[in-house]
C-alpha atoms as a PDB file:
ATOM      1  CA  UNK A   1      81.259 118.388  88.158  1.00  0.00           C
ATOM      2  CA  UNK A   2      78.817 115.727  88.730  1.00  0.00           C
ATOM      3  CA  UNK A   3      79.644 112.434  90.333  1.00  0.00           C
ATOM      4  CA  UNK A   4      78.623 110.546  87.110  1.00  0.00           C
ATOM      5  CA  UNK A   5      81.441 112.431  85.262  1.00  0.00           C
ATOM      6  CA  UNK A   6      83.988 111.967  87.906  1.00  0.00           C
ATOM      7  CA  UNK A   7      84.372 108.185  88.301  1.00  0.00           C
ATOM      8  CA  UNK A   8      87.350 107.967  90.682  1.00  0.00           C
ATOM      9  CA  UNK A   9      88.875 104.960  89.034  1.00  0.00           C
ATOM     10  CA  UNK A  10      88.608 106.756  85.541  1.00  0.00           C
ATOM     11  CA  UNK A  11      90.309 109.873  86.806  1.00  0.00           C
ATOM     12  CA  UNK A  12      92.981 108.075  88.345  1.00  0.00           C
ATOM     13  CA  UNK A  13      93.765 105.842  85.225  1.00  0.00           C
ATOM     14  CA  UNK A  14      93.611 108.830  83.048  1.00  0.00           C
ATOM     15  CA  UNK A  15      97.017 109.820  84.439  1.00  0.00           C
ATOM     16  CA  UNK A  16      95.542 112.786  86.472  1.00  0.00           C
ATOM     17  CA  UNK A  17      97.510 112.979  89.674  1.00  0.00           C
ATOM     18  CA  UNK A  18      95.253 112.170  92.590  1.00  0.00           C
ATOM     19  CA  UNK A  19      94.981 113.800  95.937  1.00  0.00           C
ATOM     20  CA  UNK A  20      92.332 112.618  98.399  1.00  0.00           C
ATOM     21  CA  UNK A  21      91.538 113.023 102.080  1.00  0.00           C
ATOM     22  CA  UNK A  22      89.869 110.805 104.594  1.00  0.00           C
ATOM     23  CA  UNK A  23      87.543 111.907 107.496  1.00  0.00           C
ATOM     24  CA  UNK A  24      85.637 110.166 110.240  1.00  0.00           C
ATOM     25  CA  UNK A  25      82.090 110.815 111.520  1.00  0.00           C
ATOM     26  CA  UNK A  26      82.374 113.264 114.607  1.00  0.00           C
ATOM     27  CA  UNK A  27      80.809 112.422 117.872  1.00  0.00           C
ATOM     28  CA  UNK A  28      79.562 115.783 119.027  1.00  0.00           C
ATOM     29  CA  UNK A  29      78.779 119.313 117.808  1.00  0.00           C
ATOM     30  CA  UNK A  30      82.336 120.621 118.348  1.00  0.00           C
ATOM     31  CA  UNK A  31      83.672 117.643 116.227  1.00  0.00           C
ATOM     32  CA  UNK A  32      81.136 118.383 113.609  1.00  0.00           C
ATOM     33  CA  UNK A  33      82.418 122.043 113.342  1.00  0.00           C
ATOM     34  CA  UNK A  34      86.000 120.774 113.227  1.00  0.00           C
ATOM     35  CA  UNK A  35      85.207 118.471 110.450  1.00  0.00           C
ATOM     36  CA  UNK A  36      83.401 121.102 108.262  1.00  0.00           C
ATOM     37  CA  UNK A  37      86.291 123.512 108.827  1.00  0.00           C
ATOM     38  CA  UNK A  38      88.720 120.844 107.479  1.00  0.00           C
ATOM     39  CA  UNK A  39      86.437 120.045 104.566  1.00  0.00           C
ATOM     40  CA  UNK A  40      86.151 123.638 103.593  1.00  0.00           C
ATOM     41  CA  UNK A  41      89.958 124.317 103.938  1.00  0.00           C
ATOM     42  CA  UNK A  42      90.811 121.336 101.813  1.00  0.00           C
ATOM     43  CA  UNK A  43      87.924 121.925  99.108  1.00  0.00           C
ATOM     44  CA  UNK A  44      90.085 124.297  97.084  1.00  0.00           C
ATOM     45  CA  UNK A  45      92.675 121.809  96.284  1.00  0.00           C
ATOM     46  CA  UNK A  46      90.004 119.877  94.311  1.00  0.00           C
ATOM     47  CA  UNK A  47      90.680 116.509  95.580  1.00  0.00           C
ATOM     48  CA  UNK A  48      89.741 113.506  93.347  1.00  0.00           C
ATOM     49  CA  UNK A  49      87.528 112.335  96.292  1.00  0.00           C
ATOM     50  CA  UNK A  50      87.049 112.549  99.903  1.00  0.00           C
ATOM     51  CA  UNK A  51      86.197 109.355 101.900  1.00  0.00           C
ATOM     52  CA  UNK A  52      84.247 109.055 105.300  1.00  0.00           C
ATOM     53  CA  UNK A  53      85.028 106.154 107.550  1.00  0.00           C
ATOM     54  CA  UNK A  54      82.528 103.749 109.085  1.00  0.00           C
ATOM     55  CA  UNK A  55      82.855 102.751 112.690  1.00  0.00           C
ATOM     56  CA  UNK A  56      83.395  99.177 113.892  1.00  0.00           C
ATOM     57  CA  UNK A  57      80.265  97.200 113.772  1.00  0.00           C
ATOM     58  CA  UNK A  58      78.573  99.756 111.948  1.00  0.00           C
ATOM     59  CA  UNK A  59      78.535 102.114 114.983  1.00  0.00           C
ATOM     60  CA  UNK A  60      78.528 105.291 112.866  1.00  0.00           C
ATOM     61  CA  UNK A  61      76.368 104.019 110.047  1.00  0.00           C
ATOM     62  CA  UNK A  62      73.897 106.847 110.205  1.00  0.00           C
ATOM     63  CA  UNK A  63      76.357 109.420 110.495  1.00  0.00           C
ATOM     64  CA  UNK A  64      78.481 108.278 107.647  1.00  0.00           C
ATOM     65  CA  UNK A  65      75.298 108.106 105.387  1.00  0.00           C
ATOM     66  CA  UNK A  66      74.401 111.638 106.567  1.00  0.00           C
ATOM     67  CA  UNK A  67      77.972 113.294 106.147  1.00  0.00           C
ATOM     68  CA  UNK A  68      78.542 111.718 102.724  1.00  0.00           C
ATOM     69  CA  UNK A  69      75.032 112.884 101.551  1.00  0.00           C
ATOM     70  CA  UNK A  70      75.794 116.452 102.758  1.00  0.00           C
ATOM     71  CA  UNK A  71      79.245 116.509 100.967  1.00  0.00           C
ATOM     72  CA  UNK A  72      77.490 115.471  97.813  1.00  0.00           C
ATOM     73  CA  UNK A  73      74.685 118.118  98.147  1.00  0.00           C
ATOM     74  CA  UNK A  74      76.718 121.110  99.586  1.00  0.00           C
ATOM     75  CA  UNK A  75      80.276 120.879  98.082  1.00  0.00           C
ATOM     76  CA  UNK A  76      81.957 120.349  94.827  1.00  0.00           C
ATOM     77  CA  UNK A  77      83.687 117.303  96.365  1.00  0.00           C
ATOM     78  CA  UNK A  78      83.103 113.674  95.369  1.00  0.00           C
ATOM     79  CA  UNK A  79      82.411 111.562  98.529  1.00  0.00           C
ATOM     80  CA  UNK A  80      83.253 108.115  99.027  1.00  0.00           C
ATOM     81  CA  UNK A  81      81.366 106.189 101.876  1.00  0.00           C
ATOM     82  CA  UNK A  82      83.078 103.310 103.752  1.00  0.00           C
ATOM     83  CA  UNK A  83      81.126 100.241 104.311  1.00  0.00           C
ATOM     84  CA  UNK A  84      82.127  97.104 106.368  1.00  0.00           C
ATOM     85  CA  UNK A  85      80.852  93.645 106.560  1.00  0.00           C
ATOM     86  CA  UNK A  86      81.196  93.673 110.451  1.00  0.00           C
ATOM     87  CA  UNK A  87      77.801  93.264 112.237  1.00  0.00           C
ATOM     88  CA  UNK A  88      75.693  93.411 109.284  1.00  0.00           C
ATOM     89  CA  UNK A  89      73.527  90.801 107.369  1.00  0.00           C
ATOM     90  CA  UNK A  90      73.494  90.865 103.743  1.00  0.00           C
ATOM     91  CA  UNK A  91      69.942  92.339 103.752  1.00  0.00           C
ATOM     92  CA  UNK A  92      71.308  95.215 105.937  1.00  0.00           C
ATOM     93  CA  UNK A  93      74.244  95.914 103.617  1.00  0.00           C
ATOM     94  CA  UNK A  94      71.786  96.113 100.634  1.00  0.00           C
ATOM     95  CA  UNK A  95      69.735  98.686 102.640  1.00  0.00           C
ATOM     96  CA  UNK A  96      72.583 100.650 103.535  1.00  0.00           C
ATOM     97  CA  UNK A  97      73.793 100.689  99.770  1.00  0.00           C
ATOM     98  CA  UNK A  98      70.380 101.748  98.868  1.00  0.00           C
ATOM     99  CA  UNK A  99      70.794 104.665 101.554  1.00  0.00           C
ATOM    100  CA  UNK A 100      73.790 105.873  99.890  1.00  0.00           C
ATOM    101  CA  UNK A 101      72.107 105.957  96.424  1.00  0.00           C
ATOM    102  CA  UNK A 102      69.274 107.944  97.965  1.00  0.00           C
ATOM    103  CA  UNK A 103      71.675 110.393  99.309  1.00  0.00           C
ATOM    104  CA  UNK A 104      73.465 110.733  95.905  1.00  0.00           C
ATOM    105  CA  UNK A 105      76.528 108.912  96.754  1.00  0.00           C
ATOM    106  CA  UNK A 106      77.764 106.323  94.333  1.00  0.00           C
ATOM    107  CA  UNK A 107      81.336 105.733  95.495  1.00  0.00           C
ATOM    108  CA  UNK A 108      81.893 103.192  98.210  1.00  0.00           C
ATOM    109  CA  UNK A 109      84.866 101.783 100.055  1.00  0.00           C
ATOM    110  CA  UNK A 110      84.222  98.072 100.487  1.00  0.00           C
ATOM    111  CA  UNK A 111      85.925  96.735 103.575  1.00  0.00           C
ATOM    112  CA  UNK A 112      85.700  93.362 105.461  1.00  0.00           C
ATOM    113  CA  UNK A 113      86.387  95.510 108.604  1.00  0.00           C
ATOM    114  CA  UNK A 114      87.925  94.483 111.814  1.00  0.00           C
ATOM    115  CA  UNK A 115      86.350  92.774 114.909  1.00  0.00           C
ATOM    116  CA  UNK A 116      85.505  95.197 117.590  1.00  0.00           C
ATOM    117  CA  UNK A 117      88.588  93.639 119.492  1.00  0.00           C
ATOM    118  CA  UNK A 118      90.757  94.939 116.707  1.00  0.00           C
ATOM    119  CA  UNK A 119      92.475  93.726 113.600  1.00  0.00           C
ATOM    120  CA  UNK A 120      94.360  90.895 115.247  1.00  0.00           C
ATOM    121  CA  UNK A 121      91.321  89.493 116.858  1.00  0.00           C
ATOM    122  CA  UNK A 122      89.887  86.152 115.286  1.00  0.00           C
ATOM    123  CA  UNK A 123      87.413  86.951 112.636  1.00  0.00           C
ATOM    124  CA  UNK A 124      83.817  85.794 113.159  1.00  0.00           C
ATOM    125  CA  UNK A 125      81.312  86.495 110.347  1.00  0.00           C
ATOM    126  CA  UNK A 126      77.800  87.866 111.129  1.00  0.00           C
ATOM    127  CA  UNK A 127      75.121  85.257 110.795  1.00  0.00           C
ATOM    128  CA  UNK A 128      73.543  85.927 107.421  1.00  0.00           C
ATOM    129  CA  UNK A 129      76.308  88.366 106.600  1.00  0.00           C
ATOM    130  CA  UNK A 130      79.479  88.342 104.453  1.00  0.00           C
ATOM    131  CA  UNK A 131      82.779  86.776 105.285  1.00  0.00           C
ATOM    132  CA  UNK A 132      85.183  88.718 102.831  1.00  0.00           C
ATOM    133  CA  UNK A 133      85.725  92.005 101.345  1.00  0.00           C
ATOM    134  CA  UNK A 134      85.447  90.599  97.824  1.00  0.00           C
ATOM    135  CA  UNK A 135      81.931  89.582  98.430  1.00  0.00           C
ATOM    136  CA  UNK A 136      80.997  93.054  99.488  1.00  0.00           C
ATOM    137  CA  UNK A 137      82.726  94.320  96.253  1.00  0.00           C
ATOM    138  CA  UNK A 138      80.496  91.950  94.389  1.00  0.00           C
ATOM    139  CA  UNK A 139      77.330  93.095  96.288  1.00  0.00           C
ATOM    140  CA  UNK A 140      78.005  96.764  95.635  1.00  0.00           C
ATOM    141  CA  UNK A 141      78.652  96.256  92.088  1.00  0.00           C
ATOM    142  CA  UNK A 142      75.493  94.377  91.702  1.00  0.00           C
ATOM    143  CA  UNK A 143      73.309  97.200  93.161  1.00  0.00           C
ATOM    144  CA  UNK A 144      73.322 100.613  91.394  1.00  0.00           C
ATOM    145  CA  UNK A 145      76.135 102.301  89.471  1.00  0.00           C
ATOM    146  CA  UNK A 146      78.726 102.091  92.361  1.00  0.00           C
ATOM    147  CA  UNK A 147      82.325 102.734  91.921  1.00  0.00           C
ATOM    148  CA  UNK A 148      84.266 100.543  94.418  1.00  0.00           C
ATOM    149  CA  UNK A 149      87.458 101.183  96.206  1.00  0.00           C
ATOM    150  CA  UNK A 150      89.263  98.606  98.364  1.00  0.00           C
ATOM    151  CA  UNK A 151      91.943  98.594 101.141  1.00  0.00           C
ATOM    152  CA  UNK A 152      95.515  97.497 100.415  1.00  0.00           C
ATOM    153  CA  UNK A 153      98.236  96.698 102.872  1.00  0.00           C
ATOM    154  CA  UNK A 154     101.913  97.372 102.094  1.00  0.00           C
ATOM    155  CA  UNK A 155     103.222  95.218 104.954  1.00  0.00           C
ATOM    156  CA  UNK A 156     100.367  92.688 104.761  1.00  0.00           C
ATOM    157  CA  UNK A 157      97.119  92.732 106.766  1.00  0.00           C
ATOM    158  CA  UNK A 158      97.704  91.209 110.271  1.00  0.00           C
ATOM    159  CA  UNK A 159      95.775  88.196 109.504  1.00  0.00           C
ATOM    160  CA  UNK A 160      97.498  87.384 106.162  1.00  0.00           C
ATOM    161  CA  UNK A 161      99.676  84.318 105.805  1.00  0.00           C
ATOM    162  CA  UNK A 162     102.243  86.245 103.933  1.00  0.00           C
ATOM    163  CA  UNK A 163     102.599  89.417 101.757  1.00  0.00           C
ATOM    164  CA  UNK A 164     102.138  87.408  98.641  1.00  0.00           C
ATOM    165  CA  UNK A 165      98.829  85.845 100.015  1.00  0.00           C
ATOM    166  CA  UNK A 166      97.799  89.353 100.757  1.00  0.00           C
ATOM    167  CA  UNK A 167      98.463  90.404  97.185  1.00  0.00           C
ATOM    168  CA  UNK A 168      96.347  87.440  95.958  1.00  0.00           C
ATOM    169  CA  UNK A 169      93.532  89.060  98.070  1.00  0.00           C
ATOM    170  CA  UNK A 170      93.956  92.403  96.559  1.00  0.00           C
ATOM    171  CA  UNK A 171      93.997  90.953  93.179  1.00  0.00           C
ATOM    172  CA  UNK A 172      90.741  89.014  93.737  1.00  0.00           C
ATOM    173  CA  UNK A 173      89.046  92.088  94.860  1.00  0.00           C
ATOM    174  CA  UNK A 174      90.136  93.836  91.666  1.00  0.00           C
ATOM    175  CA  UNK A 175      88.910  91.118  89.553  1.00  0.00           C
ATOM    176  CA  UNK A 176      85.534  91.183  91.416  1.00  0.00           C
ATOM    177  CA  UNK A 177      85.100  94.847  90.214  1.00  0.00           C
ATOM    178  CA  UNK A 178      87.151  97.136  92.466  1.00  0.00           C
ATOM    179  CA  UNK A 179      88.379  99.957  90.421  1.00  0.00           C
ATOM    180  CA  UNK A 180      91.247 101.301  92.734  1.00  0.00           C
ATOM    181  CA  UNK A 181      92.747 100.558  96.051  1.00  0.00           C
ATOM    182  CA  UNK A 182      93.888 102.786  99.038  1.00  0.00           C
ATOM    183  CA  UNK A 183      96.677 101.532 101.348  1.00  0.00           C
ATOM    184  CA  UNK A 184      96.778 101.784 105.117  1.00  0.00           C
ATOM    185  CA  UNK A 185      99.573 103.953 106.510  1.00  0.00           C
ATOM    186  CA  UNK A 186     103.249 103.011 106.107  1.00  0.00           C
ATOM    187  CA  UNK A 187     106.566 104.848 106.298  1.00  0.00           C
ATOM    188  CA  UNK A 188     108.903 103.238 103.784  1.00  0.00           C
ATOM    189  CA  UNK A 189     108.299 103.804 100.123  1.00  0.00           C
ATOM    190  CA  UNK A 190     109.837 100.442  99.207  1.00  0.00           C
ATOM    191  CA  UNK A 191     106.930  98.854 101.044  1.00  0.00           C
ATOM    192  CA  UNK A 192     104.486 100.426  98.733  1.00  0.00           C
ATOM    193  CA  UNK A 193     106.403  99.903  95.654  1.00  0.00           C
ATOM    194  CA  UNK A 194     106.820  96.157  96.763  1.00  0.00           C
ATOM    195  CA  UNK A 195     103.058  95.745  96.996  1.00  0.00           C
ATOM    196  CA  UNK A 196     102.508  97.295  93.660  1.00  0.00           C
ATOM    197  CA  UNK A 197     105.074  95.042  92.170  1.00  0.00           C
ATOM    198  CA  UNK A 198     103.538  91.946  93.590  1.00  0.00           C
ATOM    199  CA  UNK A 199     100.087  92.915  92.298  1.00  0.00           C
ATOM    200  CA  UNK A 200     101.450  93.779  88.768  1.00  0.00           C
ATOM    201  CA  UNK A 201     103.206  90.352  88.724  1.00  0.00           C
ATOM    202  CA  UNK A 202      99.798  88.827  89.008  1.00  0.00           C
ATOM    203  CA  UNK A 203      98.607  90.543  85.807  1.00  0.00           C
ATOM    204  CA  UNK A 204      96.439  93.170  87.546  1.00  0.00           C
ATOM    205  CA  UNK A 205      96.851  96.875  86.956  1.00  0.00           C
ATOM    206  CA  UNK A 206      94.537  98.353  89.652  1.00  0.00           C
ATOM    207  CA  UNK A 207      95.637 101.735  90.681  1.00  0.00           C
ATOM    208  CA  UNK A 208      96.980 101.692  94.181  1.00  0.00           C
ATOM    209  CA  UNK A 209      96.943 104.911  96.156  1.00  0.00           C
ATOM    210  CA  UNK A 210      99.254 105.309  99.167  1.00  0.00           C
ATOM    211  CA  UNK A 211      97.822 106.328 102.274  1.00  0.00           C
ATOM    212  CA  UNK A 212      99.697 109.111 104.253  1.00  0.00           C
ATOM    213  CA  UNK A 213      99.552 109.477 107.996  1.00  0.00           C
ATOM    214  CA  UNK A 214     102.148 112.060 109.311  1.00  0.00           C
ATOM    215  CA  UNK A 215     103.829 111.292 112.598  1.00  0.00           C
ATOM    216  CA  UNK A 216     102.600 114.015 114.884  1.00  0.00           C
ATOM    217  CA  UNK A 217     102.833 111.925 118.080  1.00  0.00           C
ATOM    218  CA  UNK A 218     105.421 109.228 118.077  1.00  0.00           C
ATOM    219  CA  UNK A 219     103.853 107.033 120.901  1.00  0.00           C
ATOM    220  CA  UNK A 220     100.340 107.133 119.417  1.00  0.00           C
ATOM    221  CA  UNK A 221     101.581 106.185 115.935  1.00  0.00           C
ATOM    222  CA  UNK A 222     103.627 103.317 117.327  1.00  0.00           C
ATOM    223  CA  UNK A 223     100.612 102.026 119.252  1.00  0.00           C
ATOM    224  CA  UNK A 224      98.449 102.346 116.313  1.00  0.00           C
ATOM    225  CA  UNK A 225     101.022 100.612 114.062  1.00  0.00           C
ATOM    226  CA  UNK A 226     101.260  97.610 116.322  1.00  0.00           C
ATOM    227  CA  UNK A 227      97.614  97.134 116.218  1.00  0.00           C
ATOM    228  CA  UNK A 228      97.275  97.324 112.430  1.00  0.00           C
ATOM    229  CA  UNK A 229     100.574  95.622 111.494  1.00  0.00           C
ATOM    230  CA  UNK A 230     102.460  98.784 110.320  1.00  0.00           C
ATOM    231  CA  UNK A 231     106.074  99.039 111.597  1.00  0.00           C
ATOM    232  CA  UNK A 232     107.706 102.338 112.306  1.00  0.00           C
ATOM    233  CA  UNK A 233     111.248 101.990 111.094  1.00  0.00           C
ATOM    234  CA  UNK A 234     114.012 102.476 113.501  1.00  0.00           C
ATOM    235  CA  UNK A 235     115.491 105.350 111.334  1.00  0.00           C
ATOM    236  CA  UNK A 236     112.285 107.162 111.544  1.00  0.00           C
ATOM    237  CA  UNK A 237     112.169 106.753 115.334  1.00  0.00           C
ATOM    238  CA  UNK A 238     115.784 107.920 115.493  1.00  0.00           C
ATOM    239  CA  UNK A 239     114.893 111.141 113.578  1.00  0.00           C
ATOM    240  CA  UNK A 240     111.842 111.876 115.446  1.00  0.00           C
ATOM    241  CA  UNK A 241     113.674 111.302 118.794  1.00  0.00           C
ATOM    242  CA  UNK A 242     116.623 113.500 117.746  1.00  0.00           C
ATOM    243  CA  UNK A 243     114.290 116.356 117.051  1.00  0.00           C
ATOM    244  CA  UNK A 244     113.856 116.873 120.641  1.00  0.00           C
ATOM    245  CA  UNK A 245     111.393 116.470 123.496  1.00  0.00           C
ATOM    246  CA  UNK A 246     109.160 119.360 122.495  1.00  0.00           C
ATOM    247  CA  UNK A 247     105.760 118.305 120.857  1.00  0.00           C
ATOM    248  CA  UNK A 248     106.230 121.109 118.288  1.00  0.00           C
ATOM    249  CA  UNK A 249     109.683 119.909 117.440  1.00  0.00           C
ATOM    250  CA  UNK A 250     108.340 116.248 117.060  1.00  0.00           C
ATOM    251  CA  UNK A 251     105.460 117.489 115.018  1.00  0.00           C
ATOM    252  CA  UNK A 252     107.699 119.509 112.583  1.00  0.00           C
ATOM    253  CA  UNK A 253     109.900 116.548 112.095  1.00  0.00           C
ATOM    254  CA  UNK A 254     106.960 114.323 111.373  1.00  0.00           C
ATOM    255  CA  UNK A 255     105.809 116.693 108.707  1.00  0.00           C
ATOM    256  CA  UNK A 256     109.161 116.825 107.117  1.00  0.00           C
ATOM    257  CA  UNK A 257     109.392 112.969 107.075  1.00  0.00           C
ATOM    258  CA  UNK A 258     105.798 112.764 105.562  1.00  0.00           C
ATOM    259  CA  UNK A 259     106.593 115.268 102.777  1.00  0.00           C
ATOM    260  CA  UNK A 260     109.823 113.212 101.988  1.00  0.00           C
ATOM    261  CA  UNK A 261     107.896 109.954 101.701  1.00  0.00           C
ATOM    262  CA  UNK A 262     105.298 111.710  99.503  1.00  0.00           C
ATOM    263  CA  UNK A 263     107.989 113.067  97.262  1.00  0.00           C
ATOM    264  CA  UNK A 264     109.609 109.596  96.843  1.00  0.00           C
ATOM    265  CA  UNK A 265     106.260 108.061  96.183  1.00  0.00           C
ATOM    266  CA  UNK A 266     105.402 110.615  93.412  1.00  0.00           C
ATOM    267  CA  UNK A 267     108.754 110.455  91.868  1.00  0.00           C
ATOM    268  CA  UNK A 268     108.450 106.630  91.887  1.00  0.00           C
ATOM    269  CA  UNK A 269     105.230 106.616  89.889  1.00  0.00           C
ATOM    270  CA  UNK A 270     102.569 106.576  92.521  1.00  0.00           C
ATOM    271  CA  UNK A 271      99.203 107.761  91.029  1.00  0.00           C
ATOM    272  CA  UNK A 272      98.653 110.207  93.862  1.00  0.00           C
ATOM    273  CA  UNK A 273      98.410 110.536  97.660  1.00  0.00           C
ATOM    274  CA  UNK A 274      95.588 109.888 100.179  1.00  0.00           C
ATOM    275  CA  UNK A 275      95.775 111.769 103.421  1.00  0.00           C
ATOM    276  CA  UNK A 276      94.501 110.458 106.739  1.00  0.00           C
ATOM    277  CA  UNK A 277      93.484 113.793 108.137  1.00  0.00           C
ATOM    278  CA  UNK A 278      91.963 112.932 111.594  1.00  0.00           C
ATOM    279  CA  UNK A 279      89.468 115.591 110.736  1.00  0.00           C
ATOM    280  CA  UNK A 280      92.022 118.534 110.667  1.00  0.00           C
ATOM    281  CA  UNK A 281      93.607 120.228 107.623  1.00  0.00           C
ATOM    282  CA  UNK A 282      96.718 121.909 109.158  1.00  0.00           C
ATOM    283  CA  UNK A 283      99.119 118.830 108.811  1.00  0.00           C
ATOM    284  CA  UNK A 284      97.930 118.142 105.304  1.00  0.00           C
ATOM    285  CA  UNK A 285      98.320 121.686 104.265  1.00  0.00           C
ATOM    286  CA  UNK A 286     101.938 121.797 105.693  1.00  0.00           C
ATOM    287  CA  UNK A 287     102.768 118.797 103.693  1.00  0.00           C
ATOM    288  CA  UNK A 288     101.382 120.372 100.591  1.00  0.00           C
ATOM    289  CA  UNK A 289     103.382 123.415 101.232  1.00  0.00           C
ATOM    290  CA  UNK A 290     106.580 121.235 101.456  1.00  0.00           C
ATOM    291  CA  UNK A 291     105.778 119.683  98.280  1.00  0.00           C
ATOM    292  CA  UNK A 292     104.885 123.042  96.634  1.00  0.00           C
ATOM    293  CA  UNK A 293     101.200 122.002  95.827  1.00  0.00           C
ATOM    294  CA  UNK A 294      99.028 124.931  95.568  1.00  0.00           C
ATOM    295  CA  UNK A 295      95.519 125.816  94.995  1.00  0.00           C
END
């Protein structure tokens, strides 16, 4: 299947249930091997797409371009490359988009990105650059035949005035040409469905894929959640804590909780699931087993 015939937005809108996976560019040879082992293990599940993240301030630019290009050439998968406004001028962003085209990649996740200090730090645009993700959506749509995805935030971005304001931002990105959205991690199905309802109330039907991050280490997830504005509900903490002190028991309960969340989302009408893999396949495959999703 060629990328031209597998536009992500079209596939999701067709009613085909979407499964997708996110990876990040590895730092060394061992990480590279781990990444490709995960890609090969998950490829048989024929995901709608796989995405490759983009480091803060463009720190992984070349590796992101290289990895997505290799996925396009060497696998049956549709790669989606992340791109952020942080640290780039408009001319540089145009050059990166041209690099993706040259690598055979025509799906891009357009993000404002976070300051190097983190998502709660004050935003300062790069001189000669872009200020909002919606501008990057417009730029990508103006150069080549890009399919553009964007981020969504069930509990609101840390910098948003309110969840309603955050929904307004997502609606603006959809009206600028974004074909679908992927949420950051969350742990309550009602947070996801609340976001969907707010967007639909504004007359926009952009598909919104829920982003899934299983809790394999409670302390690590809570630290990450505090940084990005995602809460870990008390009832989740209680279940993880009750599983016992052993890491294996915590992990098993985290997988079980993730599978329950996935089931609630799919039963409630979510168009699919997007898994944050951390460049490993095991947890995702265990969730698939619990959901009885097979090759």
